[in-house]
Protein backbone atom coordinates (compact mmCIF):
# COMPACT_ATOMS: atom_id res chain seq x y z
CA MET A 1 -11.90 -22.53 -10.16
CA LYS A 2 -9.43 -19.71 -10.06
CA TYR A 3 -9.18 -16.83 -7.46
CA ILE A 4 -8.17 -13.06 -8.20
CA THR A 5 -8.03 -10.27 -5.62
CA VAL A 6 -7.82 -6.89 -7.39
CA LEU A 7 -6.76 -4.26 -4.44
CA MET A 8 -7.05 -0.71 -5.34
CA ASP A 9 -4.94 0.75 -2.48
CA GLY A 10 -6.62 3.84 -0.96
CA ALA A 11 -9.38 4.13 -3.53
CA GLY A 12 -12.16 4.41 -1.11
CA ASP A 13 -13.41 7.94 -0.80
CA PHE A 14 -16.17 10.50 0.22
CA PRO A 15 -18.58 12.41 -2.04
CA ILE A 16 -16.69 15.13 -3.54
CA PRO A 17 -18.18 18.50 -4.66
CA GLU A 18 -16.18 19.00 -7.60
CA LEU A 19 -17.55 15.60 -8.86
CA GLY A 20 -21.02 16.52 -8.25
CA GLY A 21 -21.29 14.78 -4.97
CA LYS A 22 -19.83 11.63 -6.33
CA THR A 23 -16.92 9.54 -5.13
CA PRO A 24 -14.06 8.60 -7.50
CA TYR A 25 -15.45 5.17 -7.89
CA GLU A 26 -18.88 6.56 -8.81
CA TYR A 27 -17.44 9.04 -11.20
CA ALA A 28 -14.79 7.12 -12.90
CA ASN A 29 -15.64 5.43 -16.30
CA THR A 30 -15.45 1.80 -15.27
CA LYS A 31 -17.46 -0.13 -17.95
CA THR A 32 -15.99 -3.45 -17.05
CA ILE A 33 -16.55 -3.19 -13.29
CA ASP A 34 -19.99 -1.85 -14.01
CA LYS A 35 -20.73 -4.88 -16.09
CA LEU A 36 -19.38 -7.44 -13.48
CA SER A 37 -20.72 -5.67 -10.40
CA GLN A 38 -24.40 -5.85 -11.52
CA LYS A 39 -23.97 -9.71 -11.38
CA SER A 40 -21.99 -9.73 -8.13
CA VAL A 41 -22.18 -9.90 -4.39
CA LEU A 42 -21.56 -6.35 -2.99
CA GLY A 43 -21.03 -5.44 0.69
CA LEU A 44 -18.77 -3.88 3.23
CA CYS A 45 -15.75 -5.29 5.11
CA LYS A 46 -14.09 -4.09 8.17
CA THR A 47 -10.34 -4.37 7.04
CA VAL A 48 -8.97 -2.20 10.08
CA PRO A 49 -9.99 -3.51 13.56
CA ASP A 50 -10.79 -1.13 16.22
CA GLY A 51 -7.97 0.32 17.95
CA MET A 52 -5.42 -0.35 15.10
CA PRO A 53 -4.10 2.30 12.87
CA ALA A 54 -5.42 2.56 9.27
CA GLY A 55 -2.30 1.62 7.56
CA SER A 56 -1.54 -0.41 4.46
CA ASP A 57 0.02 -3.05 6.51
CA VAL A 58 -2.97 -3.66 8.70
CA ALA A 59 -5.42 -3.32 5.92
CA ASN A 60 -3.49 -5.60 3.51
CA LEU A 61 -2.93 -8.26 5.97
CA SER A 62 -6.81 -8.29 6.44
CA ALA A 63 -7.43 -8.42 2.61
CA LEU A 64 -5.26 -11.27 2.44
CA GLY A 65 -7.12 -13.10 5.41
CA TYR A 66 -4.53 -12.65 8.32
CA ASP A 67 -6.07 -10.99 11.53
CA PRO A 68 -3.99 -8.12 12.24
CA PHE A 69 -4.65 -8.50 15.98
CA ILE A 70 -2.75 -11.98 15.85
CA TYR A 71 -0.21 -11.32 13.07
CA HIS A 72 0.68 -7.61 12.92
CA THR A 73 3.93 -6.51 14.44
CA GLY A 74 4.65 -3.55 12.34
CA ARG A 75 4.99 -2.44 8.89
CA SER A 76 8.66 -2.20 8.52
CA PRO A 77 9.40 -5.98 9.35
CA LEU A 78 7.18 -6.84 6.34
CA GLU A 79 9.05 -4.81 4.02
CA ALA A 80 12.32 -6.19 5.39
CA ALA A 81 11.26 -9.74 4.37
CA SER A 82 10.70 -8.25 0.70
CA ILE A 83 14.12 -6.84 0.66
CA GLY A 84 15.62 -10.02 1.94
CA ILE A 85 16.93 -8.87 5.21
CA LYS A 86 17.16 -11.60 7.86
CA LEU A 87 16.09 -10.33 11.25
CA ALA A 88 17.06 -11.41 14.71
CA ASP A 89 14.30 -11.75 17.29
CA THR A 90 15.71 -8.78 19.11
CA ASP A 91 15.84 -6.45 15.98
CA VAL A 92 13.46 -3.54 15.54
CA THR A 93 12.91 -2.34 12.02
CA PHE A 94 11.80 1.23 10.81
CA ARG A 95 10.50 2.56 7.49
CA CYS A 96 12.61 5.47 6.34
CA ASN A 97 10.90 7.72 3.60
CA PHE A 98 12.88 10.30 1.82
CA VAL A 99 10.60 13.38 2.17
CA THR A 100 10.43 17.00 1.18
CA VAL A 101 10.27 19.60 3.79
CA SER A 102 9.88 23.39 3.49
CA GLU A 103 13.15 25.53 3.26
CA ASP A 104 11.76 28.28 5.59
CA GLY A 105 13.16 28.72 9.11
CA ASP A 106 16.59 28.05 10.59
CA GLN A 107 15.58 25.20 12.81
CA TYR A 108 14.74 21.82 11.35
CA LYS A 109 11.68 21.34 13.63
CA GLU A 110 10.12 24.60 12.41
CA LYS A 111 9.91 23.25 8.76
CA THR A 112 6.70 21.99 7.10
CA MET A 113 6.04 18.39 5.83
CA LEU A 114 5.49 18.99 2.10
CA ASP A 115 5.75 15.68 0.39
CA HIS A 116 5.92 12.14 2.08
CA SER A 117 7.55 10.71 -1.13
CA ALA A 118 9.85 13.46 -2.32
CA GLY A 119 7.97 13.58 -5.73
CA ASP A 120 7.94 9.81 -6.05
CA LEU A 121 11.66 9.70 -5.93
CA PRO A 122 12.83 6.85 -8.19
CA THR A 123 15.02 4.09 -6.73
CA GLU A 124 18.08 5.21 -8.53
CA ASP A 125 18.08 8.69 -7.07
CA SER A 126 17.28 7.03 -3.56
CA ALA A 127 20.37 4.89 -3.68
CA ILE A 128 22.60 7.85 -4.50
CA LEU A 129 21.06 9.81 -1.51
CA LEU A 130 21.19 6.62 0.68
CA GLU A 131 25.10 6.71 0.22
CA ALA A 132 25.23 10.35 1.49
CA ILE A 133 23.48 9.60 4.71
CA LYS A 134 24.81 6.15 5.48
CA PRO A 135 27.60 7.68 7.78
CA ILE A 136 25.00 9.31 9.85
CA ILE A 137 22.98 6.21 10.45
CA ASN A 138 25.21 3.16 10.17
CA ASN A 139 26.75 3.04 13.67
CA GLY A 140 26.87 -0.51 14.73
CA VAL A 141 23.33 -0.16 16.18
CA PHE A 142 21.44 1.27 13.38
CA SER A 143 21.76 0.15 9.77
CA ILE A 144 20.08 1.55 6.62
CA TYR A 145 18.93 -0.62 3.57
CA LEU A 146 17.73 0.64 0.21
CA GLY A 147 14.04 -0.28 -0.67
CA THR A 148 11.77 0.77 -3.61
CA SER A 149 11.39 4.44 -4.77
CA TYR A 150 11.37 6.73 -1.69
CA ARG A 151 10.90 3.89 0.68
CA ASN A 152 13.92 2.45 2.66
CA LEU A 153 14.47 0.42 5.90
CA ILE A 154 16.44 0.98 9.04
CA VAL A 155 17.28 -2.01 11.36
CA MET A 156 18.29 -1.43 15.02
CA LYS A 157 20.10 -4.23 16.82
CA ASN A 158 18.50 -5.11 20.15
CA GLY A 159 16.06 -2.51 19.52
CA THR A 160 12.81 -1.21 21.27
CA THR A 161 9.46 -0.38 19.83
CA ASN A 162 8.47 1.86 22.86
CA VAL A 163 8.60 4.81 20.60
CA SER A 164 5.89 6.83 18.97
CA LEU A 165 6.44 8.10 15.36
CA THR A 166 4.06 9.76 13.14
CA PRO A 167 3.97 8.51 9.32
CA PRO A 168 4.69 11.64 7.22
CA HIS A 169 1.76 11.17 5.10
CA ASP A 170 -0.35 11.77 8.29
CA PHE A 171 1.08 15.39 8.72
CA LEU A 172 1.33 16.64 5.41
CA GLY A 173 1.19 20.41 5.40
CA GLN A 174 1.97 20.55 9.23
CA LYS A 175 5.10 21.58 11.26
CA ILE A 176 7.75 18.86 12.08
CA LYS A 177 7.81 20.33 15.68
CA ASP A 178 4.11 19.19 16.32
CA HIS A 179 5.19 15.53 15.25
CA VAL A 180 8.37 15.01 16.87
CA PRO A 181 9.25 11.59 18.01
CA ALA A 182 8.47 10.37 21.72
CA GLY A 183 9.62 7.41 23.69
CA GLU A 184 12.89 5.81 24.49
CA ILE A 185 14.96 6.50 21.38
CA ALA A 186 13.14 9.66 20.56
CA ASP A 187 16.20 11.88 20.79
CA VAL A 188 18.37 9.51 18.75
CA ILE A 189 15.85 9.36 15.90
CA PHE A 190 15.19 13.06 15.74
CA GLU A 191 18.84 13.67 15.71
CA MET A 192 19.47 11.40 12.85
CA GLN A 193 16.62 13.07 11.01
CA GLU A 194 18.06 16.55 11.78
CA LYS A 195 21.64 15.58 10.52
CA CYS A 196 20.21 13.89 7.45
CA HIS A 197 18.45 17.08 6.57
CA GLN A 198 21.68 19.23 6.73
CA VAL A 199 23.45 16.90 4.32
CA LEU A 200 20.47 16.24 1.92
CA SER A 201 19.46 19.77 1.76
CA ARG A 202 22.90 20.63 0.20
CA HIS A 203 23.34 17.41 -1.91
CA PRO A 204 23.94 18.11 -5.61
CA LEU A 205 21.10 15.72 -6.64
CA ASN A 206 18.62 17.67 -4.74
CA ILE A 207 19.89 20.95 -6.08
CA LYS A 208 19.56 19.41 -9.74
CA ARG A 209 15.92 18.18 -8.91
CA LYS A 210 14.91 21.62 -7.67
CA GLU A 211 16.22 23.05 -10.91
CA MET A 212 14.26 20.67 -12.73
CA GLY A 213 11.12 21.64 -10.95
CA LYS A 214 10.92 18.47 -8.85
CA ASN A 215 10.60 18.10 -5.12
CA PRO A 216 13.97 17.68 -3.57
CA ALA A 217 14.50 14.66 -1.22
CA ASN A 218 15.81 16.93 1.44
CA ALA A 219 14.91 15.14 4.56
CA ILE A 220 14.15 11.64 5.89
CA SER A 221 11.24 10.45 7.94
CA ILE A 222 11.48 7.39 10.33
CA TRP A 223 8.39 5.58 11.26
CA GLY A 224 6.43 2.17 11.12
CA GLU A 225 8.56 0.51 13.99
CA GLY A 226 8.06 -3.23 14.37
CA LYS A 227 9.51 -6.75 15.17
CA LYS A 228 10.09 -9.83 13.23
CA PRO A 229 6.82 -11.31 12.16
CA MET A 230 5.40 -14.86 11.55
CA LEU A 231 2.60 -15.52 9.09
CA ASP A 232 0.83 -18.93 8.77
CA ASP A 233 1.58 -20.75 5.47
CA TYR A 234 -1.08 -19.57 2.91
CA TYR A 235 -1.81 -23.01 1.54
CA GLN A 236 -2.22 -24.61 5.00
CA LYS A 237 -4.27 -21.73 5.95
CA PHE A 238 -6.68 -21.52 2.96
CA GLY A 239 -5.83 -24.48 0.69
CA VAL A 240 -4.80 -22.44 -2.29
CA LYS A 241 -1.46 -22.07 -3.96
CA GLY A 242 -0.92 -18.36 -4.69
CA SER A 243 1.04 -15.63 -6.07
CA VAL A 244 1.47 -11.72 -5.21
CA ILE A 245 1.86 -9.14 -7.77
CA SER A 246 2.89 -5.63 -6.35
CA ALA A 247 5.24 -2.76 -6.87
CA VAL A 248 5.70 -2.27 -3.12
CA ASP A 249 8.00 -3.96 -0.58
CA LEU A 250 5.11 -4.11 2.07
CA ILE A 251 2.87 -6.33 0.01
CA LYS A 252 5.79 -8.41 -1.49
CA GLY A 253 7.02 -8.87 2.15
CA ILE A 254 3.66 -10.23 3.21
CA GLY A 255 3.68 -12.65 0.12
CA VAL A 256 7.27 -13.82 1.17
CA LEU A 257 6.14 -14.58 4.70
CA ALA A 258 2.96 -16.29 3.77
CA GLY A 259 4.78 -18.69 1.60
CA LEU A 260 3.24 -17.07 -1.58
CA LYS A 261 5.12 -16.83 -4.91
CA VAL A 262 6.13 -13.04 -5.45
CA LYS A 263 6.12 -12.47 -9.23
CA GLN A 264 8.36 -9.46 -10.36
CA ILE A 265 6.88 -7.24 -13.06
CA GLU A 266 9.15 -5.11 -15.01
CA ASN A 267 8.79 -1.22 -14.62
CA ALA A 268 6.32 -1.82 -11.80
CA THR A 269 6.57 1.41 -9.78
CA GLY A 270 3.78 1.87 -7.19
CA THR A 271 2.53 5.13 -8.80
CA ILE A 272 0.17 5.74 -11.78
CA ASN A 273 3.14 5.40 -14.08
CA THR A 274 3.31 1.73 -13.53
CA ASN A 275 3.23 -1.42 -15.89
CA PHE A 276 -0.51 -1.92 -15.45
CA ILE A 277 -0.76 -4.35 -18.61
CA GLY A 278 2.32 -6.07 -17.35
CA LYS A 279 0.72 -6.76 -13.99
CA ALA A 280 -2.45 -7.99 -15.63
CA LYS A 281 -0.50 -10.30 -17.98
CA GLY A 282 1.52 -11.55 -15.09
CA ALA A 283 -1.58 -12.61 -13.28
CA VAL A 284 -3.06 -14.50 -16.19
CA GLU A 285 0.56 -16.23 -16.42
CA GLU A 286 0.51 -17.30 -12.80
CA LEU A 287 -2.90 -18.77 -13.15
CA GLU A 288 -2.03 -20.63 -16.34
CA ALA A 289 1.06 -21.90 -14.58
CA GLY A 290 -0.86 -23.48 -11.89
CA ALA A 291 -1.52 -20.83 -9.21
CA ASP A 292 -5.06 -21.18 -7.76
CA PHE A 293 -4.92 -17.63 -6.60
CA VAL A 294 -3.32 -14.10 -7.46
CA PHE A 295 -3.37 -11.18 -5.19
CA LEU A 296 -3.02 -8.22 -7.67
CA HIS A 297 -2.18 -4.94 -5.61
CA PHE A 298 -2.15 -1.38 -7.22
CA GLU A 299 -0.65 1.44 -5.23
CA ALA A 300 -1.63 4.35 -7.58
CA PRO A 301 -4.95 5.42 -6.00
CA ASP A 302 -3.39 5.77 -2.59
CA GLU A 303 -0.37 7.83 -3.69
CA CYS A 304 -2.66 9.92 -5.96
CA SER A 305 -4.79 10.68 -2.65
CA HIS A 306 -1.79 11.33 -0.55
CA GLN A 307 -0.79 13.80 -3.22
CA GLY A 308 -4.26 15.35 -3.38
CA ASP A 309 -4.45 14.70 -7.16
CA LEU A 310 -8.07 13.90 -7.79
CA ASP A 311 -7.81 13.65 -11.52
CA ASP A 312 -5.10 10.99 -11.37
CA LYS A 313 -6.91 9.14 -8.60
CA ILE A 314 -9.79 8.93 -10.87
CA LYS A 315 -7.60 7.91 -13.88
CA SER A 316 -5.85 5.08 -11.88
CA ILE A 317 -9.30 3.56 -11.27
CA GLU A 318 -10.21 3.94 -14.77
CA ILE A 319 -6.88 2.25 -15.97
CA ILE A 320 -7.30 -0.55 -13.64
CA ASP A 321 -10.73 -1.13 -14.91
CA ASP A 322 -10.00 -1.00 -18.60
CA THR A 323 -6.23 -2.31 -18.73
CA VAL A 324 -6.36 -4.79 -15.92
CA ILE A 325 -9.67 -6.19 -14.93
CA LYS A 326 -10.93 -6.30 -18.76
CA TYR A 327 -7.85 -8.05 -19.70
CA ILE A 328 -7.96 -10.76 -17.05
CA THR A 329 -11.60 -11.57 -17.44
CA GLU A 330 -11.39 -11.61 -21.13
CA GLU A 331 -8.41 -13.81 -21.15
CA LEU A 332 -9.94 -16.22 -18.68
CA ALA A 333 -13.13 -16.47 -20.61
CA LYS A 334 -11.22 -17.41 -23.84
CA GLN A 335 -9.66 -20.28 -22.00
CA ASN A 336 -13.15 -21.36 -20.45
CA ILE A 337 -11.49 -20.99 -17.08
CA ASP A 338 -14.01 -20.50 -14.30
CA PHE A 339 -13.05 -17.84 -11.79
CA ARG A 340 -13.84 -15.65 -8.93
CA MET A 341 -12.77 -12.08 -8.58
CA LEU A 342 -12.79 -9.96 -5.38
CA ILE A 343 -12.45 -6.24 -5.95
CA LEU A 344 -11.89 -3.81 -3.10
CA PRO A 345 -9.67 -0.99 -1.55
CA ASP A 346 -7.62 -1.93 1.47
CA HIS A 347 -8.81 1.28 3.18
CA TYR A 348 -10.13 4.74 2.43
CA THR A 349 -7.48 7.61 1.44
CA PRO A 350 -9.86 10.40 1.18
CA ILE A 351 -8.63 13.37 -1.22
CA SER A 352 -9.99 15.83 1.33
CA THR A 353 -7.68 14.54 4.10
CA ARG A 354 -4.96 12.95 2.12
CA THR A 355 -4.37 10.41 4.66
CA HIS A 356 -5.94 6.94 5.64
CA ALA A 357 -9.24 6.46 7.34
CA ALA A 358 -10.40 3.31 9.37
CA ILE A 359 -13.76 3.09 7.45
CA PRO A 360 -15.29 -0.27 6.39
CA VAL A 361 -14.47 -0.63 2.58
CA PRO A 362 -16.66 -1.47 -0.29
CA PHE A 363 -16.21 -5.10 -2.02
CA MET A 364 -17.56 -6.83 -4.78
CA ILE A 365 -17.30 -10.63 -5.53
CA TYR A 366 -17.84 -11.67 -9.14
CA ASP A 367 -18.23 -15.44 -9.90
CA SER A 368 -18.24 -16.35 -13.56
CA THR A 369 -20.28 -19.50 -12.96
CA LYS A 370 -22.94 -17.64 -11.11
CA GLU A 371 -25.20 -14.66 -11.64
CA HIS A 372 -26.31 -12.49 -8.65
CA LYS A 373 -28.48 -9.45 -8.53
CA GLY A 374 -25.75 -6.90 -7.87
CA ASP A 375 -25.61 -3.22 -8.38
CA LEU A 376 -23.06 -0.56 -9.64
CA PHE A 377 -19.89 -0.75 -7.57
CA SER A 378 -19.63 2.03 -5.20
CA GLU A 379 -19.16 2.90 -1.39
CA ALA A 380 -22.82 3.87 -1.18
CA ASN A 381 -24.25 0.86 -3.01
CA CYS A 382 -22.10 -1.66 -1.09
CA LYS A 383 -23.49 -0.21 2.23
CA LYS A 384 -27.11 -0.30 0.82
CA SER A 385 -26.61 -4.02 0.09
CA GLY A 386 -26.81 -4.71 3.89
CA LEU A 387 -23.96 -7.35 3.78
CA PHE A 388 -21.43 -6.47 6.28
CA ILE A 389 -18.29 -8.55 6.95
CA ASP A 390 -16.50 -7.83 10.32
CA LYS A 391 -13.18 -9.41 9.51
CA GLY A 392 -10.90 -9.49 6.46
CA GLU A 393 -10.28 -13.34 6.94
CA LYS A 394 -14.21 -13.82 6.76
CA LEU A 395 -14.17 -12.07 3.47
CA VAL A 396 -11.16 -14.20 2.08
CA ARG A 397 -12.91 -17.36 3.21
CA MET A 398 -15.94 -16.26 1.38
CA LEU A 399 -13.82 -15.74 -1.75
CA PHE A 400 -12.38 -19.31 -1.49
CA ASP A 401 -15.70 -21.04 -0.65
CA LYS A 402 -17.44 -23.59 -2.80
CA GLY A 403 -20.01 -20.96 -3.69
CA VAL A 404 -20.85 -17.50 -2.81
CA GLN A 405 -24.11 -17.36 -1.06
């Protein structure tokens, strides 16, 4: 038996008036999922424990079977593992986004957060801008490292997590002054952000991006503080050899720390303009090469939600259905390989709010050797099933069990 998790990051949503009261899952043309779900087990799973933030770090740890209460030490240290940064026990890491803020007002704190990703800034542009702000950040205590796309990492030696920092996607359209850092190093972080804005707003690359009609990466946002994490080995925990396929450092970092193989896919971007078929083929290749399990992560629905792009959110779900899930199921069927597939979002990212919500997510488990009485996959139908799993680890153990009851 082979096992596949297809995780559509942030795909969960509320009924939307423009869609006739349907959610993106209900509205999207998903012939493959519809076919599988009517033979699947459907239910809801609580991926974000009470009292924890509805971040992709918390929710994806859950979706991989790690209790965030035990294993979560912050988002950025997971990304550090993907980048290959060796952390000391006393190091503290921070995510550093290139972002777009408004150009009105003289003071930085009076500006508005417009775009948490600076128009999905490509990595090659991020690398150029990173060089411009290194003299501000790299001072013997803080060091900045290039990540993927608009996502970068800062490490603080002998650091502190006694600080309150708001993720930029949580205050889109709001003033910076209403979300300034608080805590021990608040002034230091805000000064970094302010000075970097002064440099970035005048950078030739950003001037060129504006001329091209693109959002300039004219500021940084520092958040996601955390310390060096430790995850139990996945094989020892669940008895399966596995691989992770994702475009984002967070998911790859979890894979590294869990002892899973991280398979790199060319032109995987973390947006709707990613290599969907390459990821699908990569998953099948891993299973053919001996992996028992593949965790296949797609960031596109979440990024579309943060941008408020309903059309592309629907389109991303449709592409995952027709390009990824269809390919994997057909290829495994051709080879007469028995498999079990878990399909779910990690959390809700409603179009109406453009940020994450800690709501139990819909899931379906399809087993090629069994035929259950399921239903069309949707938030409402999964709730109607009456099956509620209160922890991600229980759902993963359900996936890996000898049979789905």
